[in-house]
C-alpha atoms as a PDB file:
ATOM      1  CA  MET A   1      74.505  81.146  78.252  1.00  0.00           C
ATOM      2  CA  PRO A   2      73.472  83.685  80.850  1.00  0.00           C
ATOM      3  CA  ARG A   3      75.724  86.847  81.555  1.00  0.00           C
ATOM      4  CA  ARG A   4      78.051  86.865  84.218  1.00  0.00           C
ATOM      5  CA  ALA A   5      78.034  89.602  86.919  1.00  0.00           C
ATOM      6  CA  TYR A   6      81.152  90.478  88.779  1.00  0.00           C
ATOM      7  CA  VAL A   7      81.084  93.275  91.541  1.00  0.00           C
ATOM      8  CA  GLU A   8      83.800  94.296  93.799  1.00  0.00           C
ATOM      9  CA  ASP A   9      82.902  97.675  95.461  1.00  0.00           C
ATOM     10  CA  ALA A  10      82.364  99.319  98.680  1.00  0.00           C
ATOM     11  CA  VAL A  11      79.339 101.491  99.130  1.00  0.00           C
ATOM     12  CA  PRO A  12      78.721 103.656 102.011  1.00  0.00           C
ATOM     13  CA  ILE A  13      74.857 103.369 103.403  1.00  0.00           C
ATOM     14  CA  TRP A  14      73.105 105.797 105.547  1.00  0.00           C
ATOM     15  CA  ASN A  15      71.074 103.820 108.184  1.00  0.00           C
ATOM     16  CA  GLU A  16      68.068 106.573 109.192  1.00  0.00           C
ATOM     17  CA  ASP A  17      66.857 104.370 112.016  1.00  0.00           C
ATOM     18  CA  ARG A  18      70.187 104.647 113.854  1.00  0.00           C
ATOM     19  CA  LEU A  19      71.240 107.845 112.672  1.00  0.00           C
ATOM     20  CA  GLU A  20      74.763 106.600 111.783  1.00  0.00           C
ATOM     21  CA  ARG A  21      76.495 105.904 108.637  1.00  0.00           C
ATOM     22  CA  LEU A  22      77.554 102.251 107.728  1.00  0.00           C
ATOM     23  CA  GLN A  23      79.894 100.863 105.210  1.00  0.00           C
ATOM     24  CA  LEU A  24      78.716  97.982 102.928  1.00  0.00           C
ATOM     25  CA  PHE A  25      81.425  96.023 101.618  1.00  0.00           C
ATOM     26  CA  VAL A  26      80.209  94.315  98.554  1.00  0.00           C
ATOM     27  CA  ARG A  27      82.922  91.961  97.564  1.00  0.00           C
ATOM     28  CA  VAL A  28      81.192  89.498  95.163  1.00  0.00           C
ATOM     29  CA  ARG A  29      83.813  87.901  92.811  1.00  0.00           C
ATOM     30  CA  ALA A  30      81.789  84.603  92.236  1.00  0.00           C
ATOM     31  CA  GLU A  31      80.094  84.481  88.788  1.00  0.00           C
ATOM     32  CA  VAL A  32      76.526  84.132  88.723  1.00  0.00           C
ATOM     33  CA  PRO A  33      73.728  84.720  86.247  1.00  0.00           C
ATOM     34  CA  ALA A  34      72.344  88.097  86.119  1.00  0.00           C
ATOM     35  CA  PRO A  35      68.984  87.483  87.223  1.00  0.00           C
ATOM     36  CA  HIS A  36      70.277  85.891  90.521  1.00  0.00           C
ATOM     37  CA  PHE A  37      72.657  88.658  91.158  1.00  0.00           C
ATOM     38  CA  ALA A  38      69.792  91.110  91.388  1.00  0.00           C
ATOM     39  CA  MET A  39      68.111  89.088  93.595  1.00  0.00           C
ATOM     40  CA  LEU A  40      71.117  88.858  95.994  1.00  0.00           C
ATOM     41  CA  LEU A  41      71.436  92.660  95.695  1.00  0.00           C
ATOM     42  CA  GLU A  42      67.766  92.706  96.799  1.00  0.00           C
ATOM     43  CA  VAL A  43      68.205  90.231  99.553  1.00  0.00           C
ATOM     44  CA  GLY A  44      71.091  92.407 100.933  1.00  0.00           C
ATOM     45  CA  ALA A  45      69.199  95.730 100.768  1.00  0.00           C
ATOM     46  CA  VAL A  46      66.083  93.839 102.832  1.00  0.00           C
ATOM     47  CA  ALA A  47      68.786  92.716 105.335  1.00  0.00           C
ATOM     48  CA  LEU A  48      70.433  96.232 105.604  1.00  0.00           C
ATOM     49  CA  GLU A  49      66.701  97.571 106.283  1.00  0.00           C
ATOM     50  CA  GLN A  50      65.947  95.195 108.912  1.00  0.00           C
ATOM     51  CA  GLY A  51      69.300  95.887 110.597  1.00  0.00           C
ATOM     52  CA  LEU A  52      71.104  92.671 109.722  1.00  0.00           C
ATOM     53  CA  THR A  53      74.714  92.866 109.835  1.00  0.00           C
ATOM     54  CA  ALA A  54      75.818  89.501 109.868  1.00  0.00           C
ATOM     55  CA  PRO A  55      78.190  88.645 106.525  1.00  0.00           C
ATOM     56  CA  VAL A  56      76.119  87.068 103.812  1.00  0.00           C
END
């Protein structure tokens, strides 16, 4: 059985393109397999780099 990842945290992010500090609130309480969780974090980072602000 895969390990489960639980995250509930608030992480400050610095957006250098806009020169403003953004607050990224990660509120994940669902059970997801660890490899999929890593992919979710990667997708979230890419979304931030592209300036997307819609909730995921």
